[in-house]
Amino acid sequence: KNVQTVFANLVKFWSLDENNAFSL
């Protein structure tokens, strides 16, 4: 859960959709 929270925050900060953010 804490790892997914980091990802969610990064997606929001980068202003990218989840798939593109995950790839980066």
PDB file of all heavy atoms in Angstrom:
ATOM      1  N   LYS A   1       0.817  -1.206   0.000  1.00  0.00           N
ATOM      2  CA  LYS A   1       0.000   0.000   0.000  1.00  0.00           C
ATOM      3  C   LYS A   1       0.860   1.271   0.000  1.00  0.00           C
ATOM      4  O   LYS A   1       0.576   2.222  -0.737  1.00  0.00           O
ATOM      5  CB  LYS A   1      -0.937   0.003   1.206  1.00  0.00           C
ATOM      6  CG  LYS A   1      -1.897   1.191   1.217  1.00  0.00           C
ATOM      7  CD  LYS A   1      -2.873   1.104   2.375  1.00  0.00           C
ATOM      8  CE  LYS A   1      -3.827   2.299   2.379  1.00  0.00           C
ATOM      9  NZ  LYS A   1      -4.793   2.220   3.508  1.00  0.00           N
ATOM     10  N   ASN A   2       1.935   1.304   0.820  1.00  0.00           N
ATOM     11  CA  ASN A   2       2.751   2.518   0.879  1.00  0.00           C
ATOM     12  C   ASN A   2       3.499   2.758  -0.427  1.00  0.00           C
ATOM     13  O   ASN A   2       3.751   3.903  -0.826  1.00  0.00           O
ATOM     14  CB  ASN A   2       3.717   2.485   2.062  1.00  0.00           C
ATOM     15  CG  ASN A   2       4.712   1.348   1.996  1.00  0.00           C
ATOM     16  OD1 ASN A   2       4.529   0.381   1.249  1.00  0.00           O
ATOM     17  ND2 ASN A   2       5.765   1.454   2.787  1.00  0.00           N
ATOM     18  N   VAL A   3       3.843   1.685  -1.132  1.00  0.00           N
ATOM     19  CA  VAL A   3       4.491   1.811  -2.432  1.00  0.00           C
ATOM     20  C   VAL A   3       3.496   2.353  -3.464  1.00  0.00           C
ATOM     21  O   VAL A   3       3.837   3.219  -4.276  1.00  0.00           O
ATOM     22  CB  VAL A   3       5.059   0.445  -2.875  1.00  0.00           C
ATOM     23  CG1 VAL A   3       5.500   0.486  -4.322  1.00  0.00           C
ATOM     24  CG2 VAL A   3       6.221   0.038  -1.970  1.00  0.00           C
ATOM     25  N   GLN A   4       2.262   1.863  -3.410  1.00  0.00           N
ATOM     26  CA  GLN A   4       1.248   2.360  -4.328  1.00  0.00           C
ATOM     27  C   GLN A   4       0.906   3.826  -4.048  1.00  0.00           C
ATOM     28  O   GLN A   4       0.568   4.583  -4.975  1.00  0.00           O
ATOM     29  CB  GLN A   4      -0.010   1.492  -4.235  1.00  0.00           C
ATOM     30  CG  GLN A   4       0.207   0.060  -4.700  1.00  0.00           C
ATOM     31  CD  GLN A   4      -1.071  -0.609  -5.153  1.00  0.00           C
ATOM     32  OE1 GLN A   4      -1.898   0.016  -5.797  1.00  0.00           O
ATOM     33  NE2 GLN A   4      -1.215  -1.890  -4.831  1.00  0.00           N
ATOM     34  N   THR A   5       1.009   4.236  -2.790  1.00  0.00           N
ATOM     35  CA  THR A   5       0.773   5.640  -2.445  1.00  0.00           C
ATOM     36  C   THR A   5       1.826   6.537  -3.088  1.00  0.00           C
ATOM     37  O   THR A   5       1.513   7.621  -3.599  1.00  0.00           O
ATOM     38  CB  THR A   5       0.784   5.823  -0.917  1.00  0.00           C
ATOM     39  OG1 THR A   5      -0.276   5.043  -0.340  1.00  0.00           O
ATOM     40  CG2 THR A   5       0.601   7.284  -0.542  1.00  0.00           C
ATOM     41  N   VAL A   6       3.093   6.105  -3.068  1.00  0.00           N
ATOM     42  CA  VAL A   6       4.150   6.854  -3.737  1.00  0.00           C
ATOM     43  C   VAL A   6       3.824   6.996  -5.218  1.00  0.00           C
ATOM     44  O   VAL A   6       3.955   8.084  -5.792  1.00  0.00           O
ATOM     45  CB  VAL A   6       5.518   6.163  -3.552  1.00  0.00           C
ATOM     46  CG1 VAL A   6       6.586   6.845  -4.396  1.00  0.00           C
ATOM     47  CG2 VAL A   6       5.933   6.175  -2.084  1.00  0.00           C
ATOM     48  N   PHE A   7       3.401   5.912  -5.828  1.00  0.00           N
ATOM     49  CA  PHE A   7       3.078   5.951  -7.254  1.00  0.00           C
ATOM     50  C   PHE A   7       1.926   6.917  -7.535  1.00  0.00           C
ATOM     51  O   PHE A   7       1.995   7.733  -8.460  1.00  0.00           O
ATOM     52  CB  PHE A   7       2.717   4.550  -7.752  1.00  0.00           C
ATOM     53  CG  PHE A   7       2.299   4.510  -9.199  1.00  0.00           C
ATOM     54  CD1 PHE A   7       3.206   4.840 -10.198  1.00  0.00           C
ATOM     55  CD2 PHE A   7       1.017   4.140  -9.566  1.00  0.00           C
ATOM     56  CE1 PHE A   7       2.829   4.818 -11.540  1.00  0.00           C
ATOM     57  CE2 PHE A   7       0.632   4.111 -10.892  1.00  0.00           C
ATOM     58  CZ  PHE A   7       1.547   4.450 -11.881  1.00  0.00           C
ATOM     59  N   ALA A   8       0.881   6.866  -6.724  1.00  0.00           N
ATOM     60  CA  ALA A   8      -0.270   7.744  -6.919  1.00  0.00           C
ATOM     61  C   ALA A   8       0.138   9.214  -6.793  1.00  0.00           C
ATOM     62  O   ALA A   8      -0.305  10.064  -7.578  1.00  0.00           O
ATOM     63  CB  ALA A   8      -1.355   7.402  -5.902  1.00  0.00           C
ATOM     64  N   ASN A   9       1.001   9.508  -5.826  1.00  0.00           N
ATOM     65  CA  ASN A   9       1.465  10.884  -5.654  1.00  0.00           C
ATOM     66  C   ASN A   9       2.325  11.347  -6.826  1.00  0.00           C
ATOM     67  O   ASN A   9       2.258  12.501  -7.248  1.00  0.00           O
ATOM     68  CB  ASN A   9       2.254  11.006  -4.347  1.00  0.00           C
ATOM     69  CG  ASN A   9       1.372  10.881  -3.117  1.00  0.00           C
ATOM     70  OD1 ASN A   9       0.183  11.154  -3.175  1.00  0.00           O
ATOM     71  ND2 ASN A   9       1.959  10.470  -2.005  1.00  0.00           N
ATOM     72  N   LEU A  10       3.116  10.423  -7.351  1.00  0.00           N
ATOM     73  CA  LEU A  10       3.976  10.770  -8.486  1.00  0.00           C
ATOM     74  C   LEU A  10       3.151  10.980  -9.748  1.00  0.00           C
ATOM     75  O   LEU A  10       3.439  11.894 -10.543  1.00  0.00           O
ATOM     76  CB  LEU A  10       5.012   9.667  -8.685  1.00  0.00           C
ATOM     77  CG  LEU A  10       6.204   9.975  -9.600  1.00  0.00           C
ATOM     78  CD1 LEU A  10       6.888  11.273  -9.185  1.00  0.00           C
ATOM     79  CD2 LEU A  10       7.201   8.816  -9.565  1.00  0.00           C
ATOM     80  N   VAL A  11       2.141  10.162  -9.962  1.00  0.00           N
ATOM     81  CA  VAL A  11       1.237  10.336 -11.103  1.00  0.00           C
ATOM     82  C   VAL A  11       0.610  11.729 -11.063  1.00  0.00           C
ATOM     83  O   VAL A  11       0.563  12.444 -12.075  1.00  0.00           O
ATOM     84  CB  VAL A  11       0.135   9.255 -11.092  1.00  0.00           C
ATOM     85  CG1 VAL A  11      -0.982   9.610 -12.076  1.00  0.00           C
ATOM     86  CG2 VAL A  11       0.722   7.899 -11.434  1.00  0.00           C
ATOM     87  N   LYS A  12       0.156  12.126  -9.887  1.00  0.00           N
ATOM     88  CA  LYS A  12      -0.470  13.443  -9.726  1.00  0.00           C
ATOM     89  C   LYS A  12       0.548  14.562  -9.954  1.00  0.00           C
ATOM     90  O   LYS A  12       0.264  15.547 -10.641  1.00  0.00           O
ATOM     91  CB  LYS A  12      -1.068  13.551  -8.326  1.00  0.00           C
ATOM     92  CG  LYS A  12      -1.809  14.851  -8.071  1.00  0.00           C
ATOM     93  CD  LYS A  12      -2.432  14.857  -6.683  1.00  0.00           C
ATOM     94  CE  LYS A  12      -3.165  16.171  -6.421  1.00  0.00           C
ATOM     95  NZ  LYS A  12      -3.777  16.191  -5.053  1.00  0.00           N
ATOM     96  N   PHE A  13       1.745  14.406  -9.389  1.00  0.00           N
ATOM     97  CA  PHE A  13       2.770  15.442  -9.508  1.00  0.00           C
ATOM     98  C   PHE A  13       3.221  15.602 -10.946  1.00  0.00           C
ATOM     99  O   PHE A  13       3.435  16.721 -11.430  1.00  0.00           O
ATOM    100  CB  PHE A  13       3.948  15.087  -8.600  1.00  0.00           C
ATOM    101  CG  PHE A  13       5.112  16.031  -8.709  1.00  0.00           C
ATOM    102  CD1 PHE A  13       4.978  17.363  -8.352  1.00  0.00           C
ATOM    103  CD2 PHE A  13       6.344  15.591  -9.167  1.00  0.00           C
ATOM    104  CE1 PHE A  13       6.049  18.247  -8.456  1.00  0.00           C
ATOM    105  CE2 PHE A  13       7.415  16.462  -9.268  1.00  0.00           C
ATOM    106  CZ  PHE A  13       7.267  17.797  -8.912  1.00  0.00           C
ATOM    107  N   TRP A  14       3.388  14.490 -11.664  1.00  0.00           N
ATOM    108  CA  TRP A  14       3.834  14.535 -13.049  1.00  0.00           C
ATOM    109  C   TRP A  14       2.722  14.929 -14.025  1.00  0.00           C
ATOM    110  O   TRP A  14       2.988  15.222 -15.192  1.00  0.00           O
ATOM    111  CB  TRP A  14       4.402  13.185 -13.454  1.00  0.00           C
ATOM    112  CG  TRP A  14       5.845  12.996 -13.125  1.00  0.00           C
ATOM    113  CD1 TRP A  14       6.725  13.937 -12.698  1.00  0.00           C
ATOM    114  CD2 TRP A  14       6.583  11.770 -13.232  1.00  0.00           C
ATOM    115  NE1 TRP A  14       7.967  13.384 -12.529  1.00  0.00           N
ATOM    116  CE2 TRP A  14       7.913  12.051 -12.850  1.00  0.00           C
ATOM    117  CE3 TRP A  14       6.250  10.469 -13.601  1.00  0.00           C
ATOM    118  CZ2 TRP A  14       8.911  11.078 -12.835  1.00  0.00           C
ATOM    119  CZ3 TRP A  14       7.235   9.488 -13.582  1.00  0.00           C
ATOM    120  CH2 TRP A  14       8.566   9.788 -13.207  1.00  0.00           C
ATOM    121  N   SER A  15       1.476  14.855 -13.576  1.00  0.00           N
ATOM    122  CA  SER A  15       0.325  15.144 -14.450  1.00  0.00           C
ATOM    123  C   SER A  15       0.322  14.229 -15.674  1.00  0.00           C
ATOM    124  O   SER A  15       0.162  14.678 -16.822  1.00  0.00           O
ATOM    125  CB  SER A  15       0.315  16.625 -14.886  1.00  0.00           C
ATOM    126  OG  SER A  15       0.219  17.479 -13.775  1.00  0.00           O
ATOM    127  N   LEU A  16       0.524  12.940 -15.415  1.00  0.00           N
ATOM    128  CA  LEU A  16       0.497  11.927 -16.471  1.00  0.00           C
ATOM    129  C   LEU A  16      -0.566  10.894 -16.145  1.00  0.00           C
ATOM    130  O   LEU A  16      -0.969  10.746 -14.986  1.00  0.00           O
ATOM    131  CB  LEU A  16       1.857  11.226 -16.572  1.00  0.00           C
ATOM    132  CG  LEU A  16       3.062  12.042 -17.042  1.00  0.00           C
ATOM    133  CD1 LEU A  16       4.323  11.200 -16.933  1.00  0.00           C
ATOM    134  CD2 LEU A  16       2.870  12.516 -18.480  1.00  0.00           C
ATOM    135  N   ASP A  17      -1.024  10.173 -17.170  1.00  0.00           N
ATOM    136  CA  ASP A  17      -1.909   9.058 -16.870  1.00  0.00           C
ATOM    137  C   ASP A  17      -1.089   7.926 -16.261  1.00  0.00           C
ATOM    138  O   ASP A  17       0.142   7.888 -16.382  1.00  0.00           O
ATOM    139  CB  ASP A  17      -2.659   8.587 -18.120  1.00  0.00           C
ATOM    140  CG  ASP A  17      -1.740   7.979 -19.165  1.00  0.00           C
ATOM    141  OD1 ASP A  17      -1.172   6.893 -18.919  1.00  0.00           O
ATOM    142  OD2 ASP A  17      -1.584   8.599 -20.233  1.00  0.00           O
ATOM    143  N   GLU A  18      -1.751   6.993 -15.596  1.00  0.00           N
ATOM    144  CA  GLU A  18      -1.059   5.959 -14.839  1.00  0.00           C
ATOM    145  C   GLU A  18      -0.160   5.091 -15.706  1.00  0.00           C
ATOM    146  O   GLU A  18       0.946   4.718 -15.291  1.00  0.00           O
ATOM    147  CB  GLU A  18      -2.070   5.083 -14.092  1.00  0.00           C
ATOM    148  CG  GLU A  18      -2.734   5.773 -12.907  1.00  0.00           C
ATOM    149  CD  GLU A  18      -3.573   4.816 -12.102  1.00  0.00           C
ATOM    150  OE1 GLU A  18      -4.035   3.781 -12.671  1.00  0.00           O
ATOM    151  OE2 GLU A  18      -3.777   5.064 -10.899  1.00  0.00           O
ATOM    152  N   ASN A  19      -0.601   4.759 -16.906  1.00  0.00           N
ATOM    153  CA  ASN A  19       0.195   3.873 -17.760  1.00  0.00           C
ATOM    154  C   ASN A  19       1.503   4.537 -18.192  1.00  0.00           C
ATOM    155  O   ASN A  19       2.563   3.913 -18.159  1.00  0.00           O
ATOM    156  CB  ASN A  19      -0.619   3.450 -18.991  1.00  0.00           C
ATOM    157  CG  ASN A  19      -1.651   2.407 -18.658  1.00  0.00           C
ATOM    158  OD1 ASN A  19      -1.334   1.299 -18.237  1.00  0.00           O
ATOM    159  ND2 ASN A  19      -2.918   2.767 -18.830  1.00  0.00           N
ATOM    160  N   ASN A  20       1.432   5.795 -18.594  1.00  0.00           N
ATOM    161  CA  ASN A  20       2.654   6.499 -18.984  1.00  0.00           C
ATOM    162  C   ASN A  20       3.584   6.690 -17.791  1.00  0.00           C
ATOM    163  O   ASN A  20       4.803   6.535 -17.911  1.00  0.00           O
ATOM    164  CB  ASN A  20       2.302   7.858 -19.602  1.00  0.00           C
ATOM    165  CG  ASN A  20       1.778   7.732 -21.020  1.00  0.00           C
ATOM    166  OD1 ASN A  20       2.065   6.762 -21.709  1.00  0.00           O
ATOM    167  ND2 ASN A  20       0.983   8.704 -21.448  1.00  0.00           N
ATOM    168  N   ALA A  21       3.026   7.053 -16.650  1.00  0.00           N
ATOM    169  CA  ALA A  21       3.842   7.240 -15.452  1.00  0.00           C
ATOM    170  C   ALA A  21       4.512   5.927 -15.045  1.00  0.00           C
ATOM    171  O   ALA A  21       5.690   5.908 -14.666  1.00  0.00           O
ATOM    172  CB  ALA A  21       2.989   7.779 -14.309  1.00  0.00           C
ATOM    173  N   PHE A  22       3.776   4.830 -15.117  1.00  0.00           N
ATOM    174  CA  PHE A  22       4.332   3.521 -14.768  1.00  0.00           C
ATOM    175  C   PHE A  22       5.503   3.172 -15.676  1.00  0.00           C
ATOM    176  O   PHE A  22       6.546   2.690 -15.214  1.00  0.00           O
ATOM    177  CB  PHE A  22       3.234   2.456 -14.871  1.00  0.00           C
ATOM    178  CG  PHE A  22       3.682   1.069 -14.514  1.00  0.00           C
ATOM    179  CD1 PHE A  22       3.852   0.708 -13.184  1.00  0.00           C
ATOM    180  CD2 PHE A  22       3.923   0.125 -15.502  1.00  0.00           C
ATOM    181  CE1 PHE A  22       4.262  -0.581 -12.845  1.00  0.00           C
ATOM    182  CE2 PHE A  22       4.339  -1.156 -15.171  1.00  0.00           C
ATOM    183  CZ  PHE A  22       4.504  -1.508 -13.843  1.00  0.00           C
ATOM    184  N   SER A  23       5.351   3.439 -16.963  1.00  0.00           N
ATOM    185  CA  SER A  23       6.419   3.156 -17.919  1.00  0.00           C
ATOM    186  C   SER A  23       7.673   3.963 -17.592  1.00  0.00           C
ATOM    187  O   SER A  23       8.794   3.436 -17.634  1.00  0.00           O
ATOM    188  CB  SER A  23       5.935   3.472 -19.334  1.00  0.00           C
ATOM    189  OG  SER A  23       6.965   3.274 -20.284  1.00  0.00           O
ATOM    190  N   LEU A  24       7.507   5.244 -17.246  1.00  0.00           N
ATOM    191  CA  LEU A  24       8.662   6.071 -16.904  1.00  0.00           C
ATOM    192  C   LEU A  24       9.301   5.605 -15.599  1.00  0.00           C
ATOM    193  O   LEU A  24      10.535   5.556 -15.493  1.00  0.00           O
ATOM    194  CB  LEU A  24       8.242   7.539 -16.777  1.00  0.00           C
ATOM    195  CG  LEU A  24       7.700   8.242 -18.021  1.00  0.00           C
ATOM    196  CD1 LEU A  24       7.543   9.733 -17.746  1.00  0.00           C
ATOM    197  CD2 LEU A  24       8.597   8.022 -19.229  1.00  0.00           C
TER     198      LEU A  24
END
